[in-house]
Amino acid sequence: MRRDRWLILGIVGTVLSCLACLTPLAVVALGAIGLGAWTGHLDAVLLVLLVGFLTLIVYRYWSTRRTTP
């Protein structure tokens, strides 16, 4: 199978979204750069990102497997 950059992006994005959801690192980072008010909305943003990246992984995997004999 050739390298699929979109699939790799989906995997990396999913891992980073999971890490941000599971650790308070995002809260500390946003507070450090002056965006601490956004911490109340992190769940809405991170869950949408996670679902989007998972959808990208499934789509690219499915399309790669479908076209390859």
PDB file of N, CA and C in Angstrom:
ATOM      1  N   MET A   1       0.845  -1.178   0.000  1.00  0.00           N
ATOM      2  CA  MET A   1       0.000   0.000   0.000  1.00  0.00           C
ATOM      3  C   MET A   1       0.887   1.236   0.000  1.00  0.00           C
ATOM      4  N   ARG A   2       0.562   2.164  -0.858  1.00  0.00           N
ATOM      5  CA  ARG A   2       1.344   3.383  -0.919  1.00  0.00           C
ATOM      6  C   ARG A   2       1.018   4.284   0.269  1.00  0.00           C
ATOM      7  N   ARG A   3       1.867   5.242   0.488  1.00  0.00           N
ATOM      8  CA  ARG A   3       1.650   6.171   1.599  1.00  0.00           C
ATOM      9  C   ARG A   3       0.475   7.086   1.282  1.00  0.00           C
ATOM     10  N   ASP A   4      -0.446   7.162   2.166  1.00  0.00           N
ATOM     11  CA  ASP A   4      -1.599   8.027   2.007  1.00  0.00           C
ATOM     12  C   ASP A   4      -1.494   9.132   3.060  1.00  0.00           C
ATOM     13  N   ARG A   5      -1.202  10.312   2.610  1.00  0.00           N
ATOM     14  CA  ARG A   5      -0.972  11.418   3.545  1.00  0.00           C
ATOM     15  C   ARG A   5      -2.228  11.824   4.291  1.00  0.00           C
ATOM     16  N   TRP A   6      -3.390  11.683   3.661  1.00  0.00           N
ATOM     17  CA  TRP A   6      -4.632  12.025   4.352  1.00  0.00           C
ATOM     18  C   TRP A   6      -4.919  11.036   5.474  1.00  0.00           C
ATOM     19  N   LEU A   7      -4.606   9.774   5.235  1.00  0.00           N
ATOM     20  CA  LEU A   7      -4.793   8.770   6.282  1.00  0.00           C
ATOM     21  C   LEU A   7      -3.848   9.041   7.452  1.00  0.00           C
ATOM     22  N   ILE A   8      -2.614   9.377   7.153  1.00  0.00           N
ATOM     23  CA  ILE A   8      -1.642   9.703   8.206  1.00  0.00           C
ATOM     24  C   ILE A   8      -2.089  10.941   8.982  1.00  0.00           C
ATOM     25  N   LEU A   9      -2.598  11.952   8.268  1.00  0.00           N
ATOM     26  CA  LEU A   9      -3.118  13.150   8.940  1.00  0.00           C
ATOM     27  C   LEU A   9      -4.274  12.804   9.865  1.00  0.00           C
ATOM     28  N   GLY A  10      -5.155  11.920   9.410  1.00  0.00           N
ATOM     29  CA  GLY A  10      -6.277  11.501  10.250  1.00  0.00           C
ATOM     30  C   GLY A  10      -5.823  10.784  11.505  1.00  0.00           C
ATOM     31  N   ILE A  11      -4.826   9.922  11.371  1.00  0.00           N
ATOM     32  CA  ILE A  11      -4.320   9.180  12.531  1.00  0.00           C
ATOM     33  C   ILE A  11      -3.643  10.116  13.521  1.00  0.00           C
ATOM     34  N   VAL A  12      -2.797  11.001  13.025  1.00  0.00           N
ATOM     35  CA  VAL A  12      -2.099  11.945  13.905  1.00  0.00           C
ATOM     36  C   VAL A  12      -3.097  12.893  14.568  1.00  0.00           C
ATOM     37  N   GLY A  13      -4.051  13.380  13.809  1.00  0.00           N
ATOM     38  CA  GLY A  13      -5.064  14.276  14.379  1.00  0.00           C
ATOM     39  C   GLY A  13      -5.908  13.597  15.437  1.00  0.00           C
ATOM     40  N   THR A  14      -6.252  12.331  15.207  1.00  0.00           N
ATOM     41  CA  THR A  14      -7.026  11.587  16.195  1.00  0.00           C
ATOM     42  C   THR A  14      -6.236  11.391  17.482  1.00  0.00           C
ATOM     43  N   VAL A  15      -4.980  11.038  17.353  1.00  0.00           N
ATOM     44  CA  VAL A  15      -4.141  10.845  18.543  1.00  0.00           C
ATOM     45  C   VAL A  15      -4.017  12.155  19.327  1.00  0.00           C
ATOM     46  N   LEU A  16      -3.768  13.248  18.625  1.00  0.00           N
ATOM     47  CA  LEU A  16      -3.647  14.537  19.315  1.00  0.00           C
ATOM     48  C   LEU A  16      -4.961  14.969  19.954  1.00  0.00           C
ATOM     49  N   SER A  17      -6.073  14.720  19.298  1.00  0.00           N
ATOM     50  CA  SER A  17      -7.374  15.058  19.878  1.00  0.00           C
ATOM     51  C   SER A  17      -7.644  14.227  21.124  1.00  0.00           C
ATOM     52  N   CYS A  18      -7.288  12.949  21.077  1.00  0.00           N
ATOM     53  CA  CYS A  18      -7.468  12.096  22.260  1.00  0.00           C
ATOM     54  C   CYS A  18      -6.589  12.566  23.415  1.00  0.00           C
ATOM     55  N   LEU A  19      -5.360  12.930  23.119  1.00  0.00           N
ATOM     56  CA  LEU A  19      -4.475  13.418  24.174  1.00  0.00           C
ATOM     57  C   LEU A  19      -5.000  14.719  24.778  1.00  0.00           C
ATOM     58  N   ALA A  20      -5.544  15.583  23.949  1.00  0.00           N
ATOM     59  CA  ALA A  20      -6.067  16.845  24.455  1.00  0.00           C
ATOM     60  C   ALA A  20      -7.326  16.618  25.277  1.00  0.00           C
ATOM     61  N   CYS A  21      -8.119  15.621  24.924  1.00  0.00           N
ATOM     62  CA  CYS A  21      -9.333  15.332  25.687  1.00  0.00           C
ATOM     63  C   CYS A  21      -9.016  14.684  27.030  1.00  0.00           C
ATOM     64  N   LEU A  22      -7.973  13.881  27.061  1.00  0.00           N
ATOM     65  CA  LEU A  22      -7.695  13.098  28.263  1.00  0.00           C
ATOM     66  C   LEU A  22      -6.771  13.789  29.255  1.00  0.00           C
ATOM     67  N   THR A  23      -6.107  14.845  28.862  1.00  0.00           N
ATOM     68  CA  THR A  23      -5.181  15.504  29.768  1.00  0.00           C
ATOM     69  C   THR A  23      -5.542  16.975  29.916  1.00  0.00           C
ATOM     70  N   PRO A  24      -5.182  17.559  31.005  1.00  0.00           N
ATOM     71  CA  PRO A  24      -5.442  18.995  31.184  1.00  0.00           C
ATOM     72  C   PRO A  24      -4.405  19.866  30.475  1.00  0.00           C
ATOM     73  N   LEU A  25      -3.637  19.264  29.595  1.00  0.00           N
ATOM     74  CA  LEU A  25      -2.616  20.005  28.865  1.00  0.00           C
ATOM     75  C   LEU A  25      -3.220  21.146  28.053  1.00  0.00           C
ATOM     76  N   ALA A  26      -4.372  20.913  27.463  1.00  0.00           N
ATOM     77  CA  ALA A  26      -5.020  21.957  26.663  1.00  0.00           C
ATOM     78  C   ALA A  26      -5.420  23.152  27.526  1.00  0.00           C
ATOM     79  N   VAL A  27      -5.882  22.900  28.721  1.00  0.00           N
ATOM     80  CA  VAL A  27      -6.279  23.980  29.629  1.00  0.00           C
ATOM     81  C   VAL A  27      -5.066  24.810  30.022  1.00  0.00           C
ATOM     82  N   VAL A  28      -3.973  24.155  30.342  1.00  0.00           N
ATOM     83  CA  VAL A  28      -2.752  24.856  30.722  1.00  0.00           C
ATOM     84  C   VAL A  28      -2.199  25.651  29.537  1.00  0.00           C
ATOM     85  N   ALA A  29      -2.194  25.038  28.360  1.00  0.00           N
ATOM     86  CA  ALA A  29      -1.661  25.711  27.173  1.00  0.00           C
ATOM     87  C   ALA A  29      -2.501  26.924  26.806  1.00  0.00           C
ATOM     88  N   LEU A  30      -3.815  26.794  26.851  1.00  0.00           N
ATOM     89  CA  LEU A  30      -4.667  27.938  26.527  1.00  0.00           C
ATOM     90  C   LEU A  30      -4.520  29.047  27.565  1.00  0.00           C
ATOM     91  N   GLY A  31      -4.376  28.683  28.818  1.00  0.00           N
ATOM     92  CA  GLY A  31      -4.157  29.682  29.854  1.00  0.00           C
ATOM     93  C   GLY A  31      -2.832  30.396  29.697  1.00  0.00           C
ATOM     94  N   ALA A  32      -1.831  29.679  29.237  1.00  0.00           N
ATOM     95  CA  ALA A  32      -0.505  30.264  29.063  1.00  0.00           C
ATOM     96  C   ALA A  32      -0.457  31.265  27.921  1.00  0.00           C
ATOM     97  N   ILE A  33      -1.252  31.049  26.886  1.00  0.00           N
ATOM     98  CA  ILE A  33      -1.220  31.979  25.760  1.00  0.00           C
ATOM     99  C   ILE A  33      -2.337  33.010  25.810  1.00  0.00           C
ATOM    100  N   GLY A  34      -3.058  33.035  26.927  1.00  0.00           N
ATOM    101  CA  GLY A  34      -4.058  34.083  27.122  1.00  0.00           C
ATOM    102  C   GLY A  34      -5.438  33.754  26.608  1.00  0.00           C
ATOM    103  N   LEU A  35      -5.703  32.505  26.314  1.00  0.00           N
ATOM    104  CA  LEU A  35      -7.020  32.118  25.818  1.00  0.00           C
ATOM    105  C   LEU A  35      -7.745  31.232  26.833  1.00  0.00           C
ATOM    106  N   GLY A  36      -7.570  31.530  28.089  1.00  0.00           N
ATOM    107  CA  GLY A  36      -8.164  30.734  29.158  1.00  0.00           C
ATOM    108  C   GLY A  36      -9.675  30.744  29.150  1.00  0.00           C
ATOM    109  N   ALA A  37     -10.302  31.758  28.582  1.00  0.00           N
ATOM    110  CA  ALA A  37     -11.761  31.822  28.528  1.00  0.00           C
ATOM    111  C   ALA A  37     -12.334  30.744  27.610  1.00  0.00           C
ATOM    112  N   TRP A  38     -11.533  30.198  26.721  1.00  0.00           N
ATOM    113  CA  TRP A  38     -12.005  29.167  25.802  1.00  0.00           C
ATOM    114  C   TRP A  38     -12.083  27.792  26.440  1.00  0.00           C
ATOM    115  N   THR A  39     -11.581  27.636  27.638  1.00  0.00           N
ATOM    116  CA  THR A  39     -11.544  26.310  28.251  1.00  0.00           C
ATOM    117  C   THR A  39     -12.934  25.749  28.502  1.00  0.00           C
ATOM    118  N   GLY A  40     -13.922  26.593  28.628  1.00  0.00           N
ATOM    119  CA  GLY A  40     -15.289  26.111  28.807  1.00  0.00           C
ATOM    120  C   GLY A  40     -15.863  25.497  27.553  1.00  0.00           C
ATOM    121  N   HIS A  41     -15.311  25.822  26.408  1.00  0.00           N
ATOM    122  CA  HIS A  41     -15.811  25.323  25.132  1.00  0.00           C
ATOM    123  C   HIS A  41     -14.924  24.241  24.530  1.00  0.00           C
ATOM    124  N   LEU A  42     -13.972  23.746  25.283  1.00  0.00           N
ATOM    125  CA  LEU A  42     -13.047  22.738  24.751  1.00  0.00           C
ATOM    126  C   LEU A  42     -13.742  21.438  24.368  1.00  0.00           C
ATOM    127  N   ASP A  43     -14.719  21.030  25.164  1.00  0.00           N
ATOM    128  CA  ASP A  43     -15.400  19.773  24.869  1.00  0.00           C
ATOM    129  C   ASP A  43     -16.077  19.815  23.508  1.00  0.00           C
ATOM    130  N   ALA A  44     -16.754  20.903  23.225  1.00  0.00           N
ATOM    131  CA  ALA A  44     -17.462  21.008  21.944  1.00  0.00           C
ATOM    132  C   ALA A  44     -16.490  20.988  20.773  1.00  0.00           C
ATOM    133  N   VAL A  45     -15.377  21.674  20.894  1.00  0.00           N
ATOM    134  CA  VAL A  45     -14.411  21.756  19.795  1.00  0.00           C
ATOM    135  C   VAL A  45     -13.648  20.446  19.645  1.00  0.00           C
ATOM    136  N   LEU A  46     -13.159  19.890  20.734  1.00  0.00           N
ATOM    137  CA  LEU A  46     -12.331  18.686  20.652  1.00  0.00           C
ATOM    138  C   LEU A  46     -13.135  17.458  20.220  1.00  0.00           C
ATOM    139  N   LEU A  47     -14.370  17.359  20.649  1.00  0.00           N
ATOM    140  CA  LEU A  47     -15.173  16.221  20.220  1.00  0.00           C
ATOM    141  C   LEU A  47     -15.491  16.288  18.731  1.00  0.00           C
ATOM    142  N   VAL A  48     -15.748  17.479  18.219  1.00  0.00           N
ATOM    143  CA  VAL A  48     -15.985  17.637  16.784  1.00  0.00           C
ATOM    144  C   VAL A  48     -14.718  17.295  16.005  1.00  0.00           C
ATOM    145  N   LEU A  49     -13.562  17.752  16.477  1.00  0.00           N
ATOM    146  CA  LEU A  49     -12.300  17.405  15.819  1.00  0.00           C
ATOM    147  C   LEU A  49     -12.056  15.898  15.831  1.00  0.00           C
ATOM    148  N   LEU A  50     -12.316  15.275  16.954  1.00  0.00           N
ATOM    149  CA  LEU A  50     -12.110  13.837  17.071  1.00  0.00           C
ATOM    150  C   LEU A  50     -12.998  13.080  16.088  1.00  0.00           C
ATOM    151  N   VAL A  51     -14.261  13.428  16.024  1.00  0.00           N
ATOM    152  CA  VAL A  51     -15.180  12.766  15.095  1.00  0.00           C
ATOM    153  C   VAL A  51     -14.757  13.027  13.649  1.00  0.00           C
ATOM    154  N   GLY A  52     -14.331  14.238  13.345  1.00  0.00           N
ATOM    155  CA  GLY A  52     -13.884  14.564  11.997  1.00  0.00           C
ATOM    156  C   GLY A  52     -12.664  13.770  11.582  1.00  0.00           C
ATOM    157  N   PHE A  53     -11.681  13.671  12.454  1.00  0.00           N
ATOM    158  CA  PHE A  53     -10.478  12.897  12.135  1.00  0.00           C
ATOM    159  C   PHE A  53     -10.782  11.403  12.024  1.00  0.00           C
ATOM    160  N   LEU A  54     -11.653  10.880  12.876  1.00  0.00           N
ATOM    161  CA  LEU A  54     -12.029   9.474  12.770  1.00  0.00           C
ATOM    162  C   LEU A  54     -12.766   9.207  11.457  1.00  0.00           C
ATOM    163  N   THR A  55     -13.605  10.132  11.046  1.00  0.00           N
ATOM    164  CA  THR A  55     -14.298   9.998   9.769  1.00  0.00           C
ATOM    165  C   THR A  55     -13.305  10.012   8.612  1.00  0.00           C
ATOM    166  N   LEU A  56     -12.300  10.868   8.689  1.00  0.00           N
ATOM    167  CA  LEU A  56     -11.265  10.924   7.662  1.00  0.00           C
ATOM    168  C   LEU A  56     -10.494   9.603   7.574  1.00  0.00           C
ATOM    169  N   ILE A  57     -10.170   9.020   8.713  1.00  0.00           N
ATOM    170  CA  ILE A  57      -9.461   7.735   8.727  1.00  0.00           C
ATOM    171  C   ILE A  57     -10.302   6.653   8.072  1.00  0.00           C
ATOM    172  N   VAL A  58     -11.558   6.551   8.462  1.00  0.00           N
ATOM    173  CA  VAL A  58     -12.427   5.514   7.913  1.00  0.00           C
ATOM    174  C   VAL A  58     -12.621   5.705   6.414  1.00  0.00           C
ATOM    175  N   TYR A  59     -12.846   6.916   5.977  1.00  0.00           N
ATOM    176  CA  TYR A  59     -13.063   7.180   4.558  1.00  0.00           C
ATOM    177  C   TYR A  59     -11.827   6.849   3.722  1.00  0.00           C
ATOM    178  N   ARG A  60     -10.656   7.312   4.156  1.00  0.00           N
ATOM    179  CA  ARG A  60      -9.444   7.068   3.380  1.00  0.00           C
ATOM    180  C   ARG A  60      -9.075   5.585   3.388  1.00  0.00           C
ATOM    181  N   TYR A  61      -9.257   4.911   4.496  1.00  0.00           N
ATOM    182  CA  TYR A  61      -8.977   3.480   4.545  1.00  0.00           C
ATOM    183  C   TYR A  61      -9.923   2.731   3.619  1.00  0.00           C
ATOM    184  N   TRP A  62     -11.202   3.080   3.668  1.00  0.00           N
ATOM    185  CA  TRP A  62     -12.192   2.430   2.820  1.00  0.00           C
ATOM    186  C   TRP A  62     -11.923   2.703   1.343  1.00  0.00           C
ATOM    187  N   SER A  63     -11.608   3.944   0.994  1.00  0.00           N
ATOM    188  CA  SER A  63     -11.373   4.266  -0.411  1.00  0.00           C
ATOM    189  C   SER A  63     -10.080   3.635  -0.929  1.00  0.00           C
ATOM    190  N   THR A  64      -9.073   3.507  -0.094  1.00  0.00           N
ATOM    191  CA  THR A  64      -7.827   2.857  -0.496  1.00  0.00           C
ATOM    192  C   THR A  64      -8.052   1.357  -0.703  1.00  0.00           C
ATOM    193  N   ARG A  65      -8.766   0.714   0.168  1.00  0.00           N
ATOM    194  CA  ARG A  65      -9.026  -0.720   0.055  1.00  0.00           C
ATOM    195  C   ARG A  65      -9.953  -1.032  -1.116  1.00  0.00           C
ATOM    196  N   ARG A  66     -10.854  -0.123  -1.430  1.00  0.00           N
ATOM    197  CA  ARG A  66     -11.812  -0.348  -2.501  1.00  0.00           C
ATOM    198  C   ARG A  66     -11.147  -0.287  -3.870  1.00  0.00           C
ATOM    199  N   THR A  67     -10.191   0.616  -4.053  1.00  0.00           N
ATOM    200  CA  THR A  67      -9.563   0.786  -5.355  1.00  0.00           C
ATOM    201  C   THR A  67      -8.398  -0.171  -5.587  1.00  0.00           C
ATOM    202  N   THR A  68      -7.829  -0.712  -4.534  1.00  0.00           N
ATOM    203  CA  THR A  68      -6.694  -1.627  -4.657  1.00  0.00           C
ATOM    204  C   THR A  68      -7.216  -3.047  -4.852  1.00  0.00           C
ATOM    205  N   PRO A  69      -6.789  -3.756  -5.916  1.00  0.00           N
ATOM    206  CA  PRO A  69      -7.263  -5.136  -6.133  1.00  0.00           C
ATOM    207  C   PRO A  69      -6.656  -6.110  -5.157  1.00  0.00           C
TER     208      PRO A  69
END
